[in-house]
Amino acid sequence: MAAAIFPAGTEHAPEITRQLTTRFADEFGYAVDDLLLYRAAYAMATSDAFAPGGGDEHFAWCVTVLEDPAVAESLHR
């Protein structure tokens, strides 16, 4: 989650997230697909955890996570 949360809201967030995810996978021996799947699960589980009905920035972030083509692809594997 750190790979996605750290750069959130920055201009280059998608690229930074991709680079950090790859680096964490390499450094800690995880499969990138597993990290993407965990990110999708976190987004689904917490999308409305902070504001009823998803009326906050976290909900928007969760939508962005689930719209990421790499994350979406991990859900189909």
PDB file of N, CA and C in Angstrom:
ATOM      1  N   MET A   1       0.817  -1.185   0.000  1.00  0.00           N
ATOM      2  CA  MET A   1       0.000   0.000   0.000  1.00  0.00           C
ATOM      3  C   MET A   1       0.864   1.254   0.000  1.00  0.00           C
ATOM      4  N   ALA A   2       2.032   1.151   0.595  1.00  0.00           N
ATOM      5  CA  ALA A   2       2.913   2.330   0.640  1.00  0.00           C
ATOM      6  C   ALA A   2       3.245   2.818  -0.763  1.00  0.00           C
ATOM      7  N   ALA A   3       3.404   1.912  -1.706  1.00  0.00           N
ATOM      8  CA  ALA A   3       3.747   2.300  -3.072  1.00  0.00           C
ATOM      9  C   ALA A   3       2.663   3.153  -3.707  1.00  0.00           C
ATOM     10  N   ALA A   4       1.418   2.934  -3.322  1.00  0.00           N
ATOM     11  CA  ALA A   4       0.309   3.685  -3.898  1.00  0.00           C
ATOM     12  C   ALA A   4      -0.059   4.921  -3.074  1.00  0.00           C
ATOM     13  N   ILE A   5       0.112   4.837  -1.780  1.00  0.00           N
ATOM     14  CA  ILE A   5      -0.293   5.957  -0.919  1.00  0.00           C
ATOM     15  C   ILE A   5       0.749   7.064  -0.915  1.00  0.00           C
ATOM     16  N   PHE A   6       2.017   6.704  -0.902  1.00  0.00           N
ATOM     17  CA  PHE A   6       3.099   7.694  -0.828  1.00  0.00           C
ATOM     18  C   PHE A   6       2.968   8.789  -1.876  1.00  0.00           C
ATOM     19  N   PRO A   7       2.789   8.448  -3.177  1.00  0.00           N
ATOM     20  CA  PRO A   7       2.735   9.509  -4.183  1.00  0.00           C
ATOM     21  C   PRO A   7       1.335  10.037  -4.474  1.00  0.00           C
ATOM     22  N   ALA A   8       0.309   9.582  -3.751  1.00  0.00           N
ATOM     23  CA  ALA A   8      -1.072   9.954  -4.059  1.00  0.00           C
ATOM     24  C   ALA A   8      -1.213  11.468  -4.145  1.00  0.00           C
ATOM     25  N   GLY A   9      -1.894  11.889  -5.169  1.00  0.00           N
ATOM     26  CA  GLY A   9      -2.167  13.301  -5.346  1.00  0.00           C
ATOM     27  C   GLY A   9      -1.064  14.082  -6.042  1.00  0.00           C
ATOM     28  N   THR A  10       0.017  13.422  -6.376  1.00  0.00           N
ATOM     29  CA  THR A  10       1.093  14.113  -7.082  1.00  0.00           C
ATOM     30  C   THR A  10       0.902  13.954  -8.588  1.00  0.00           C
ATOM     31  N   GLU A  11       1.539  14.816  -9.323  1.00  0.00           N
ATOM     32  CA  GLU A  11       1.406  14.814 -10.780  1.00  0.00           C
ATOM     33  C   GLU A  11       1.842  13.498 -11.407  1.00  0.00           C
ATOM     34  N   HIS A  12       2.869  12.901 -10.860  1.00  0.00           N
ATOM     35  CA  HIS A  12       3.430  11.679 -11.439  1.00  0.00           C
ATOM     36  C   HIS A  12       3.087  10.435 -10.623  1.00  0.00           C
ATOM     37  N   ALA A  13       1.996  10.466  -9.897  1.00  0.00           N
ATOM     38  CA  ALA A  13       1.620   9.365  -9.010  1.00  0.00           C
ATOM     39  C   ALA A  13       1.586   8.003  -9.706  1.00  0.00           C
ATOM     40  N   PRO A  14       0.961   7.866 -10.879  1.00  0.00           N
ATOM     41  CA  PRO A  14       0.919   6.531 -11.491  1.00  0.00           C
ATOM     42  C   PRO A  14       2.305   5.958 -11.780  1.00  0.00           C
ATOM     43  N   GLU A  15       3.201   6.777 -12.295  1.00  0.00           N
ATOM     44  CA  GLU A  15       4.542   6.291 -12.614  1.00  0.00           C
ATOM     45  C   GLU A  15       5.334   5.980 -11.347  1.00  0.00           C
ATOM     46  N   ILE A  16       5.225   6.827 -10.341  1.00  0.00           N
ATOM     47  CA  ILE A  16       5.926   6.586  -9.075  1.00  0.00           C
ATOM     48  C   ILE A  16       5.399   5.307  -8.432  1.00  0.00           C
ATOM     49  N   THR A  17       4.095   5.138  -8.443  1.00  0.00           N
ATOM     50  CA  THR A  17       3.485   3.938  -7.881  1.00  0.00           C
ATOM     51  C   THR A  17       3.973   2.691  -8.603  1.00  0.00           C
ATOM     52  N   ARG A  18       4.019   2.744  -9.937  1.00  0.00           N
ATOM     53  CA  ARG A  18       4.494   1.600 -10.711  1.00  0.00           C
ATOM     54  C   ARG A  18       5.944   1.268 -10.356  1.00  0.00           C
ATOM     55  N   GLN A  19       6.792   2.299 -10.284  1.00  0.00           N
ATOM     56  CA  GLN A  19       8.194   2.071  -9.962  1.00  0.00           C
ATOM     57  C   GLN A  19       8.369   1.509  -8.552  1.00  0.00           C
ATOM     58  N   LEU A  20       7.651   2.073  -7.591  1.00  0.00           N
ATOM     59  CA  LEU A  20       7.765   1.590  -6.216  1.00  0.00           C
ATOM     60  C   LEU A  20       7.244   0.161  -6.076  1.00  0.00           C
ATOM     61  N   THR A  21       6.146  -0.144  -6.745  1.00  0.00           N
ATOM     62  CA  THR A  21       5.594  -1.498  -6.684  1.00  0.00           C
ATOM     63  C   THR A  21       6.596  -2.506  -7.226  1.00  0.00           C
ATOM     64  N   THR A  22       7.195  -2.179  -8.358  1.00  0.00           N
ATOM     65  CA  THR A  22       8.212  -3.062  -8.942  1.00  0.00           C
ATOM     66  C   THR A  22       9.400  -3.211  -8.004  1.00  0.00           C
ATOM     67  N   ARG A  23       9.828  -2.120  -7.422  1.00  0.00           N
ATOM     68  CA  ARG A  23      10.985  -2.160  -6.507  1.00  0.00           C
ATOM     69  C   ARG A  23      10.681  -2.993  -5.266  1.00  0.00           C
ATOM     70  N   PHE A  24       9.495  -2.777  -4.669  1.00  0.00           N
ATOM     71  CA  PHE A  24       9.118  -3.557  -3.487  1.00  0.00           C
ATOM     72  C   PHE A  24       9.026  -5.035  -3.828  1.00  0.00           C
ATOM     73  N   ALA A  25       8.462  -5.359  -4.980  1.00  0.00           N
ATOM     74  CA  ALA A  25       8.369  -6.765  -5.398  1.00  0.00           C
ATOM     75  C   ALA A  25       9.759  -7.377  -5.517  1.00  0.00           C
ATOM     76  N   ASP A  26      10.656  -6.649  -6.154  1.00  0.00           N
ATOM     77  CA  ASP A  26      12.030  -7.148  -6.318  1.00  0.00           C
ATOM     78  C   ASP A  26      12.754  -7.279  -4.984  1.00  0.00           C
ATOM     79  N   GLU A  27      12.650  -6.259  -4.153  1.00  0.00           N
ATOM     80  CA  GLU A  27      13.386  -6.224  -2.880  1.00  0.00           C
ATOM     81  C   GLU A  27      12.890  -7.268  -1.882  1.00  0.00           C
ATOM     82  N   PHE A  28      11.569  -7.499  -1.866  1.00  0.00           N
ATOM     83  CA  PHE A  28      10.998  -8.361  -0.834  1.00  0.00           C
ATOM     84  C   PHE A  28      10.513  -9.710  -1.349  1.00  0.00           C
ATOM     85  N   GLY A  29      10.707  -9.954  -2.643  1.00  0.00           N
ATOM     86  CA  GLY A  29      10.385 -11.266  -3.198  1.00  0.00           C
ATOM     87  C   GLY A  29       8.912 -11.519  -3.450  1.00  0.00           C
ATOM     88  N   TYR A  30       8.131 -10.466  -3.656  1.00  0.00           N
ATOM     89  CA  TYR A  30       6.710 -10.624  -3.963  1.00  0.00           C
ATOM     90  C   TYR A  30       6.499 -10.608  -5.469  1.00  0.00           C
ATOM     91  N   ALA A  31       5.430 -11.207  -5.908  1.00  0.00           N
ATOM     92  CA  ALA A  31       5.016 -11.077  -7.299  1.00  0.00           C
ATOM     93  C   ALA A  31       4.273  -9.752  -7.435  1.00  0.00           C
ATOM     94  N   VAL A  32       4.557  -9.009  -8.487  1.00  0.00           N
ATOM     95  CA  VAL A  32       3.876  -7.724  -8.711  1.00  0.00           C
ATOM     96  C   VAL A  32       2.365  -7.937  -8.748  1.00  0.00           C
ATOM     97  N   ASP A  33       1.912  -8.998  -9.407  1.00  0.00           N
ATOM     98  CA  ASP A  33       0.474  -9.266  -9.480  1.00  0.00           C
ATOM     99  C   ASP A  33      -0.154  -9.419  -8.099  1.00  0.00           C
ATOM    100  N   ASP A  34       0.557 -10.044  -7.178  1.00  0.00           N
ATOM    101  CA  ASP A  34       0.038 -10.184  -5.812  1.00  0.00           C
ATOM    102  C   ASP A  34      -0.105  -8.817  -5.154  1.00  0.00           C
ATOM    103  N   LEU A  35       0.882  -7.955  -5.316  1.00  0.00           N
ATOM    104  CA  LEU A  35       0.806  -6.615  -4.717  1.00  0.00           C
ATOM    105  C   LEU A  35      -0.342  -5.809  -5.318  1.00  0.00           C
ATOM    106  N   LEU A  36      -0.569  -5.956  -6.606  1.00  0.00           N
ATOM    107  CA  LEU A  36      -1.685  -5.263  -7.250  1.00  0.00           C
ATOM    108  C   LEU A  36      -3.022  -5.808  -6.758  1.00  0.00           C
ATOM    109  N   LEU A  37      -3.100  -7.109  -6.571  1.00  0.00           N
ATOM    110  CA  LEU A  37      -4.322  -7.720  -6.052  1.00  0.00           C
ATOM    111  C   LEU A  37      -4.601  -7.240  -4.628  1.00  0.00           C
ATOM    112  N   TYR A  38      -3.574  -7.159  -3.798  1.00  0.00           N
ATOM    113  CA  TYR A  38      -3.742  -6.654  -2.437  1.00  0.00           C
ATOM    114  C   TYR A  38      -4.208  -5.202  -2.460  1.00  0.00           C
ATOM    115  N   ARG A  39      -3.670  -4.414  -3.391  1.00  0.00           N
ATOM    116  CA  ARG A  39      -4.072  -3.010  -3.496  1.00  0.00           C
ATOM    117  C   ARG A  39      -5.552  -2.912  -3.863  1.00  0.00           C
ATOM    118  N   ALA A  40      -5.999  -3.764  -4.800  1.00  0.00           N
ATOM    119  CA  ALA A  40      -7.412  -3.775  -5.184  1.00  0.00           C
ATOM    120  C   ALA A  40      -8.294  -4.164  -3.992  1.00  0.00           C
ATOM    121  N   ALA A  41      -7.871  -5.172  -3.249  1.00  0.00           N
ATOM    122  CA  ALA A  41      -8.647  -5.604  -2.080  1.00  0.00           C
ATOM    123  C   ALA A  41      -8.743  -4.490  -1.048  1.00  0.00           C
ATOM    124  N   TYR A  42      -7.647  -3.784  -0.806  1.00  0.00           N
ATOM    125  CA  TYR A  42      -7.652  -2.658   0.135  1.00  0.00           C
ATOM    126  C   TYR A  42      -8.608  -1.573  -0.348  1.00  0.00           C
ATOM    127  N   ALA A  43      -8.565  -1.258  -1.623  1.00  0.00           N
ATOM    128  CA  ALA A  43      -9.437  -0.220  -2.164  1.00  0.00           C
ATOM    129  C   ALA A  43     -10.908  -0.613  -2.010  1.00  0.00           C
ATOM    130  N   MET A  44     -11.224  -1.858  -2.300  1.00  0.00           N
ATOM    131  CA  MET A  44     -12.615  -2.298  -2.171  1.00  0.00           C
ATOM    132  C   MET A  44     -13.067  -2.328  -0.712  1.00  0.00           C
ATOM    133  N   ALA A  45     -12.189  -2.766   0.166  1.00  0.00           N
ATOM    134  CA  ALA A  45     -12.558  -2.903   1.577  1.00  0.00           C
ATOM    135  C   ALA A  45     -12.671  -1.573   2.305  1.00  0.00           C
ATOM    136  N   THR A  46     -11.948  -0.561   1.847  1.00  0.00           N
ATOM    137  CA  THR A  46     -11.916   0.706   2.593  1.00  0.00           C
ATOM    138  C   THR A  46     -12.537   1.884   1.853  1.00  0.00           C
ATOM    139  N   SER A  47     -13.149   1.644   0.710  1.00  0.00           N
ATOM    140  CA  SER A  47     -13.615   2.749  -0.128  1.00  0.00           C
ATOM    141  C   SER A  47     -14.568   3.703   0.588  1.00  0.00           C
ATOM    142  N   ASP A  48     -15.395   3.196   1.467  1.00  0.00           N
ATOM    143  CA  ASP A  48     -16.295   4.103   2.196  1.00  0.00           C
ATOM    144  C   ASP A  48     -16.062   4.039   3.709  1.00  0.00           C
ATOM    145  N   ALA A  49     -14.858   3.717   4.091  1.00  0.00           N
ATOM    146  CA  ALA A  49     -14.531   3.573   5.514  1.00  0.00           C
ATOM    147  C   ALA A  49     -14.409   4.911   6.240  1.00  0.00           C
ATOM    148  N   PHE A  50     -14.148   5.967   5.515  1.00  0.00           N
ATOM    149  CA  PHE A  50     -13.876   7.242   6.169  1.00  0.00           C
ATOM    150  C   PHE A  50     -15.016   8.251   6.050  1.00  0.00           C
ATOM    151  N   ALA A  51     -15.907   8.041   5.095  1.00  0.00           N
ATOM    152  CA  ALA A  51     -17.067   8.922   4.930  1.00  0.00           C
ATOM    153  C   ALA A  51     -18.216   8.083   4.383  1.00  0.00           C
ATOM    154  N   PRO A  52     -19.350   8.115   5.059  1.00  0.00           N
ATOM    155  CA  PRO A  52     -20.494   7.353   4.561  1.00  0.00           C
ATOM    156  C   PRO A  52     -20.816   7.741   3.114  1.00  0.00           C
ATOM    157  N   GLY A  53     -21.028   6.740   2.292  1.00  0.00           N
ATOM    158  CA  GLY A  53     -21.366   7.004   0.908  1.00  0.00           C
ATOM    159  C   GLY A  53     -20.184   7.398   0.042  1.00  0.00           C
ATOM    160  N   GLY A  54     -18.986   7.336   0.585  1.00  0.00           N
ATOM    161  CA  GLY A  54     -17.800   7.617  -0.203  1.00  0.00           C
ATOM    162  C   GLY A  54     -17.621   9.063  -0.596  1.00  0.00           C
ATOM    163  N   GLY A  55     -18.017   9.984   0.247  1.00  0.00           N
ATOM    164  CA  GLY A  55     -17.924  11.396  -0.085  1.00  0.00           C
ATOM    165  C   GLY A  55     -16.630  12.047   0.351  1.00  0.00           C
ATOM    166  N   ASP A  56     -15.521  11.401   0.137  1.00  0.00           N
ATOM    167  CA  ASP A  56     -14.247  11.977   0.559  1.00  0.00           C
ATOM    168  C   ASP A  56     -13.150  11.658  -0.458  1.00  0.00           C
ATOM    169  N   GLU A  57     -11.966  12.166  -0.207  1.00  0.00           N
ATOM    170  CA  GLU A  57     -10.837  11.944  -1.117  1.00  0.00           C
ATOM    171  C   GLU A  57     -10.398  10.485  -1.143  1.00  0.00           C
ATOM    172  N   HIS A  58     -10.584   9.774  -0.038  1.00  0.00           N
ATOM    173  CA  HIS A  58     -10.167   8.372  -0.021  1.00  0.00           C
ATOM    174  C   HIS A  58     -10.990   7.563  -1.018  1.00  0.00           C
ATOM    175  N   PHE A  59     -12.273   7.835  -1.090  1.00  0.00           N
ATOM    176  CA  PHE A  59     -13.112   7.126  -2.053  1.00  0.00           C
ATOM    177  C   PHE A  59     -12.607   7.371  -3.474  1.00  0.00           C
ATOM    178  N   ALA A  60     -12.305   8.616  -3.793  1.00  0.00           N
ATOM    179  CA  ALA A  60     -11.791   8.958  -5.124  1.00  0.00           C
ATOM    180  C   ALA A  60     -10.469   8.226  -5.389  1.00  0.00           C
ATOM    181  N   TRP A  61      -9.615   8.142  -4.371  1.00  0.00           N
ATOM    182  CA  TRP A  61      -8.351   7.415  -4.518  1.00  0.00           C
ATOM    183  C   TRP A  61      -8.619   5.945  -4.805  1.00  0.00           C
ATOM    184  N   CYS A  62      -9.576   5.351  -4.102  1.00  0.00           N
ATOM    185  CA  CYS A  62      -9.919   3.944  -4.312  1.00  0.00           C
ATOM    186  C   CYS A  62     -10.413   3.703  -5.736  1.00  0.00           C
ATOM    187  N   VAL A  63     -11.219   4.606  -6.247  1.00  0.00           N
ATOM    188  CA  VAL A  63     -11.689   4.489  -7.627  1.00  0.00           C
ATOM    189  C   VAL A  63     -10.504   4.533  -8.578  1.00  0.00           C
ATOM    190  N   THR A  64      -9.577   5.442  -8.333  1.00  0.00           N
ATOM    191  CA  THR A  64      -8.381   5.542  -9.164  1.00  0.00           C
ATOM    192  C   THR A  64      -7.591   4.238  -9.135  1.00  0.00           C
ATOM    193  N   VAL A  65      -7.464   3.648  -7.963  1.00  0.00           N
ATOM    194  CA  VAL A  65      -6.748   2.366  -7.838  1.00  0.00           C
ATOM    195  C   VAL A  65      -7.427   1.309  -8.701  1.00  0.00           C
ATOM    196  N   LEU A  66      -8.737   1.209  -8.594  1.00  0.00           N
ATOM    197  CA  LEU A  66      -9.457   0.167  -9.318  1.00  0.00           C
ATOM    198  C   LEU A  66      -9.522   0.425 -10.816  1.00  0.00           C
ATOM    199  N   GLU A  67      -9.337   1.679 -11.225  1.00  0.00           N
ATOM    200  CA  GLU A  67      -9.308   2.006 -12.656  1.00  0.00           C
ATOM    201  C   GLU A  67      -7.919   1.826 -13.273  1.00  0.00           C
ATOM    202  N   ASP A  68      -6.911   1.618 -12.452  1.00  0.00           N
ATOM    203  CA  ASP A  68      -5.555   1.399 -12.958  1.00  0.00           C
ATOM    204  C   ASP A  68      -5.562   0.119 -13.799  1.00  0.00           C
ATOM    205  N   PRO A  69      -5.163   0.211 -15.065  1.00  0.00           N
ATOM    206  CA  PRO A  69      -5.185  -0.986 -15.917  1.00  0.00           C
ATOM    207  C   PRO A  69      -4.406  -2.170 -15.346  1.00  0.00           C
ATOM    208  N   ALA A  70      -3.291  -1.933 -14.700  1.00  0.00           N
ATOM    209  CA  ALA A  70      -2.507  -3.023 -14.128  1.00  0.00           C
ATOM    210  C   ALA A  70      -3.267  -3.698 -12.982  1.00  0.00           C
ATOM    211  N   VAL A  71      -3.930  -2.908 -12.154  1.00  0.00           N
ATOM    212  CA  VAL A  71      -4.722  -3.458 -11.051  1.00  0.00           C
ATOM    213  C   VAL A  71      -5.900  -4.243 -11.620  1.00  0.00           C
ATOM    214  N   ALA A  72      -6.599  -3.662 -12.584  1.00  0.00           N
ATOM    215  CA  ALA A  72      -7.742  -4.345 -13.187  1.00  0.00           C
ATOM    216  C   ALA A  72      -7.314  -5.675 -13.805  1.00  0.00           C
ATOM    217  N   GLU A  73      -6.170  -5.683 -14.463  1.00  0.00           N
ATOM    218  CA  GLU A  73      -5.662  -6.920 -15.073  1.00  0.00           C
ATOM    219  C   GLU A  73      -5.354  -7.968 -14.011  1.00  0.00           C
ATOM    220  N   SER A  74      -4.843  -7.535 -12.855  1.00  0.00           N
ATOM    221  CA  SER A  74      -4.523  -8.495 -11.792  1.00  0.00           C
ATOM    222  C   SER A  74      -5.785  -9.185 -11.279  1.00  0.00           C
ATOM    223  N   LEU A  75      -6.919  -8.526 -11.386  1.00  0.00           N
ATOM    224  CA  LEU A  75      -8.176  -9.117 -10.940  1.00  0.00           C
ATOM    225  C   LEU A  75      -8.692 -10.191 -11.898  1.00  0.00           C
ATOM    226  N   HIS A  76      -8.190 -10.186 -13.112  1.00  0.00           N
ATOM    227  CA  HIS A  76      -8.646 -11.147 -14.123  1.00  0.00           C
ATOM    228  C   HIS A  76      -7.717 -12.350 -14.254  1.00  0.00           C
ATOM    229  N   ARG A  77      -6.688 -12.384 -13.446  1.00  0.00           N
ATOM    230  CA  ARG A  77      -5.749 -13.519 -13.534  1.00  0.00           C
ATOM    231  C   ARG A  77      -6.111 -14.596 -12.561  1.00  0.00           C
TER     232      ARG A  77
END
